[in-house]
Amino acid sequence: MVRGDSRVNKAHVEQIQPAGYLLQQMQQDALTKAGIPHQVCGDETLFDILFTDMACLDYRSAKHKSPDQAAVYNASLRQHDIL
């Protein structure tokens, strides 16, 4: 489902957007503080952290510079029931 899809309950989307924004900001702040190059790409309701110093402009440009680093990061989030 995508934004604008009639099957999406707008109230549910509006309810989870603040939590998604908070998750984006928490990760952004932690990674920036640690000096790890990254980009937060996507909407608050569905986003990814890309380990790169390149701008995320579109689907084709959204690539990890360090895919191994992303795999470890995502595995850690899953291990702690975050992802």
N, C-alpha and C. Protein backbone atom coordinates (compact mmCIF):
# COMPACT_ATOMS: atom_id res chain seq x y z
N MET A 1 0.84 -1.18 0.00
CA MET A 1 0.00 0.00 0.00
C MET A 1 0.88 1.24 0.00
N VAL A 2 0.40 2.25 -0.65
CA VAL A 2 1.15 3.50 -0.74
C VAL A 2 0.27 4.64 -0.29
N ARG A 3 0.91 5.74 -0.01
CA ARG A 3 0.16 6.93 0.38
C ARG A 3 -0.80 7.28 -0.74
N GLY A 4 -2.03 7.56 -0.43
CA GLY A 4 -3.04 7.84 -1.44
C GLY A 4 -3.88 6.62 -1.77
N ASP A 5 -3.44 5.45 -1.33
CA ASP A 5 -4.18 4.20 -1.55
C ASP A 5 -5.43 4.26 -0.69
N SER A 6 -6.57 4.00 -1.28
CA SER A 6 -7.85 4.11 -0.55
C SER A 6 -7.95 3.08 0.56
N ARG A 7 -7.11 2.04 0.54
CA ARG A 7 -7.15 1.02 1.60
C ARG A 7 -6.41 1.46 2.86
N VAL A 8 -5.67 2.55 2.77
CA VAL A 8 -4.90 3.03 3.91
C VAL A 8 -5.80 3.94 4.75
N ASN A 9 -5.88 3.63 6.02
CA ASN A 9 -6.67 4.44 6.94
C ASN A 9 -5.84 5.67 7.31
N LYS A 10 -6.29 6.84 6.89
CA LYS A 10 -5.54 8.08 7.11
C LYS A 10 -5.29 8.32 8.60
N ALA A 11 -6.22 7.97 9.44
CA ALA A 11 -6.06 8.16 10.88
C ALA A 11 -4.91 7.31 11.41
N HIS A 12 -4.75 6.08 10.89
CA HIS A 12 -3.65 5.22 11.33
C HIS A 12 -2.31 5.79 10.90
N VAL A 13 -2.25 6.28 9.68
CA VAL A 13 -1.02 6.87 9.17
C VAL A 13 -0.65 8.08 10.03
N GLU A 14 -1.61 8.93 10.30
CA GLU A 14 -1.35 10.12 11.12
C GLU A 14 -0.94 9.74 12.54
N GLN A 15 -1.41 8.60 13.01
CA GLN A 15 -1.07 8.14 14.35
C GLN A 15 0.38 7.65 14.42
N ILE A 16 0.87 6.98 13.38
CA ILE A 16 2.22 6.42 13.44
C ILE A 16 3.30 7.38 12.93
N GLN A 17 2.91 8.43 12.21
CA GLN A 17 3.91 9.37 11.70
C GLN A 17 4.77 10.00 12.79
N PRO A 18 4.21 10.45 13.91
CA PRO A 18 5.07 11.04 14.96
C PRO A 18 6.08 10.03 15.52
N ALA A 19 5.68 8.79 15.68
CA ALA A 19 6.60 7.78 16.19
C ALA A 19 7.71 7.52 15.16
N GLY A 20 7.37 7.46 13.89
CA GLY A 20 8.35 7.27 12.85
C GLY A 20 9.33 8.43 12.79
N TYR A 21 8.81 9.64 12.93
CA TYR A 21 9.67 10.82 12.93
C TYR A 21 10.65 10.76 14.09
N LEU A 22 10.16 10.37 15.26
CA LEU A 22 11.01 10.26 16.44
C LEU A 22 12.10 9.21 16.21
N LEU A 23 11.74 8.07 15.64
CA LEU A 23 12.72 7.03 15.34
C LEU A 23 13.77 7.53 14.34
N GLN A 24 13.32 8.26 13.34
CA GLN A 24 14.27 8.84 12.37
C GLN A 24 15.25 9.77 13.08
N GLN A 25 14.73 10.65 13.90
CA GLN A 25 15.58 11.63 14.58
C GLN A 25 16.55 10.99 15.56
N MET A 26 16.08 9.99 16.30
CA MET A 26 16.95 9.31 17.26
C MET A 26 18.13 8.66 16.55
N GLN A 27 17.85 7.97 15.45
CA GLN A 27 18.93 7.31 14.71
C GLN A 27 19.83 8.34 14.04
N GLN A 28 19.23 9.36 13.46
CA GLN A 28 20.00 10.43 12.82
C GLN A 28 20.96 11.06 13.82
N ASP A 29 20.47 11.40 14.99
CA ASP A 29 21.30 12.04 16.01
C ASP A 29 22.43 11.12 16.47
N ALA A 30 22.13 9.85 16.73
CA ALA A 30 23.14 8.91 17.20
C ALA A 30 24.22 8.67 16.16
N LEU A 31 23.82 8.49 14.91
CA LEU A 31 24.80 8.23 13.85
C LEU A 31 25.64 9.46 13.57
N THR A 32 25.03 10.64 13.59
CA THR A 32 25.77 11.89 13.38
C THR A 32 26.78 12.08 14.50
N LYS A 33 26.34 11.88 15.73
CA LYS A 33 27.23 12.04 16.89
C LYS A 33 28.41 11.08 16.81
N ALA A 34 28.18 9.88 16.28
CA ALA A 34 29.24 8.87 16.15
C ALA A 34 30.12 9.12 14.93
N GLY A 35 29.75 10.09 14.10
CA GLY A 35 30.55 10.41 12.92
C GLY A 35 30.40 9.40 11.79
N ILE A 36 29.27 8.71 11.75
CA ILE A 36 29.03 7.69 10.73
C ILE A 36 28.25 8.31 9.58
N PRO A 37 28.82 8.30 8.36
CA PRO A 37 28.11 8.86 7.21
C PRO A 37 26.82 8.08 6.94
N HIS A 38 25.73 8.81 6.78
CA HIS A 38 24.43 8.15 6.56
C HIS A 38 23.44 9.13 5.96
N GLN A 39 22.37 8.59 5.45
CA GLN A 39 21.22 9.36 4.96
C GLN A 39 19.96 8.66 5.46
N VAL A 40 19.01 9.43 5.94
CA VAL A 40 17.69 8.90 6.29
C VAL A 40 16.81 9.14 5.07
N CYS A 41 16.31 8.07 4.47
CA CYS A 41 15.53 8.18 3.24
C CYS A 41 14.15 7.58 3.43
N GLY A 42 13.14 8.32 3.04
CA GLY A 42 11.78 7.82 3.08
C GLY A 42 10.87 8.60 4.01
N ASP A 43 9.62 8.23 3.97
CA ASP A 43 8.58 8.83 4.78
C ASP A 43 8.71 8.35 6.23
N GLU A 44 8.13 9.08 7.15
CA GLU A 44 8.18 8.68 8.56
C GLU A 44 7.58 7.29 8.80
N THR A 45 6.68 6.89 7.94
CA THR A 45 6.01 5.60 8.14
C THR A 45 6.76 4.43 7.52
N LEU A 46 7.73 4.71 6.66
CA LEU A 46 8.51 3.65 6.00
C LEU A 46 9.80 4.28 5.49
N PHE A 47 10.88 4.05 6.21
CA PHE A 47 12.14 4.69 5.85
C PHE A 47 13.29 3.72 6.02
N ASP A 48 14.44 4.12 5.54
CA ASP A 48 15.64 3.33 5.67
C ASP A 48 16.79 4.25 6.03
N ILE A 49 17.77 3.69 6.69
CA ILE A 49 19.01 4.39 6.96
C ILE A 49 20.03 3.85 5.97
N LEU A 50 20.56 4.72 5.12
CA LEU A 50 21.57 4.31 4.16
C LEU A 50 22.93 4.78 4.65
N PHE A 51 23.88 3.87 4.70
CA PHE A 51 25.22 4.22 5.15
C PHE A 51 26.03 4.70 3.96
N THR A 52 25.91 5.99 3.72
CA THR A 52 26.56 6.64 2.59
C THR A 52 26.65 8.13 2.87
N ASP A 53 27.55 8.79 2.16
CA ASP A 53 27.61 10.25 2.24
C ASP A 53 27.00 10.88 0.98
N MET A 54 26.44 10.04 0.12
CA MET A 54 25.79 10.51 -1.11
C MET A 54 24.33 10.86 -0.82
N ALA A 55 23.82 11.88 -1.51
CA ALA A 55 22.42 12.27 -1.35
C ALA A 55 21.50 11.18 -1.89
N CYS A 56 20.41 10.97 -1.24
CA CYS A 56 19.38 10.01 -1.65
C CYS A 56 18.32 10.80 -2.43
N LEU A 57 18.45 10.80 -3.75
CA LEU A 57 17.56 11.60 -4.59
C LEU A 57 16.38 10.82 -5.13
N ASP A 58 16.61 9.55 -5.46
CA ASP A 58 15.57 8.71 -6.02
C ASP A 58 15.93 7.24 -5.78
N TYR A 59 15.11 6.35 -6.29
CA TYR A 59 15.33 4.93 -6.04
C TYR A 59 16.71 4.48 -6.52
N ARG A 60 17.13 4.94 -7.68
CA ARG A 60 18.43 4.51 -8.24
C ARG A 60 19.61 5.05 -7.46
N SER A 61 19.47 6.21 -6.87
CA SER A 61 20.58 6.78 -6.11
C SER A 61 20.62 6.29 -4.67
N ALA A 62 19.59 5.59 -4.25
CA ALA A 62 19.50 5.11 -2.87
C ALA A 62 20.28 3.81 -2.72
N LYS A 63 21.58 3.96 -2.48
CA LYS A 63 22.45 2.80 -2.35
C LYS A 63 23.35 2.96 -1.13
N HIS A 64 23.62 1.85 -0.49
CA HIS A 64 24.56 1.85 0.62
C HIS A 64 25.97 1.91 0.08
N LYS A 65 26.78 2.75 0.66
CA LYS A 65 28.20 2.75 0.35
C LYS A 65 28.86 1.58 1.09
N SER A 66 28.25 1.21 2.22
CA SER A 66 28.77 0.12 3.06
C SER A 66 27.64 -0.88 3.35
N PRO A 67 27.31 -1.76 2.40
CA PRO A 67 26.21 -2.70 2.64
C PRO A 67 26.45 -3.63 3.82
N ASP A 68 27.71 -3.98 4.09
CA ASP A 68 27.99 -4.82 5.25
C ASP A 68 27.65 -4.10 6.55
N GLN A 69 27.93 -2.81 6.61
CA GLN A 69 27.61 -2.02 7.78
C GLN A 69 26.09 -1.96 7.97
N ALA A 70 25.35 -1.83 6.89
CA ALA A 70 23.89 -1.81 6.96
C ALA A 70 23.36 -3.15 7.46
N ALA A 71 23.95 -4.25 7.01
CA ALA A 71 23.50 -5.58 7.44
C ALA A 71 23.71 -5.75 8.94
N VAL A 72 24.84 -5.32 9.45
CA VAL A 72 25.12 -5.43 10.89
C VAL A 72 24.15 -4.54 11.68
N TYR A 73 23.93 -3.31 11.19
CA TYR A 73 23.03 -2.37 11.87
C TYR A 73 21.61 -2.93 11.93
N ASN A 74 21.11 -3.41 10.79
CA ASN A 74 19.75 -3.96 10.75
C ASN A 74 19.63 -5.22 11.59
N ALA A 75 20.66 -6.06 11.61
CA ALA A 75 20.63 -7.28 12.43
C ALA A 75 20.56 -6.90 13.91
N SER A 76 21.29 -5.86 14.29
CA SER A 76 21.25 -5.40 15.67
C SER A 76 19.87 -4.88 16.05
N LEU A 77 19.24 -4.14 15.13
CA LEU A 77 17.87 -3.64 15.39
C LEU A 77 16.90 -4.81 15.55
N ARG A 78 17.01 -5.83 14.69
CA ARG A 78 16.14 -7.00 14.79
C ARG A 78 16.39 -7.76 16.09
N GLN A 79 17.66 -7.88 16.48
CA GLN A 79 18.01 -8.61 17.70
C GLN A 79 17.36 -7.96 18.93
N HIS A 80 17.17 -6.66 18.87
CA HIS A 80 16.56 -5.93 19.99
C HIS A 80 15.08 -5.61 19.76
N ASP A 81 14.48 -6.35 18.82
CA ASP A 81 13.03 -6.22 18.51
C ASP A 81 12.64 -4.79 18.14
N ILE A 82 13.53 -4.10 17.45
CA ILE A 82 13.24 -2.75 16.99
C ILE A 82 12.81 -2.75 15.55
N LEU A 83 13.35 -3.66 14.77
CA LEU A 83 13.03 -3.73 13.34
C LEU A 83 12.31 -5.02 13.05
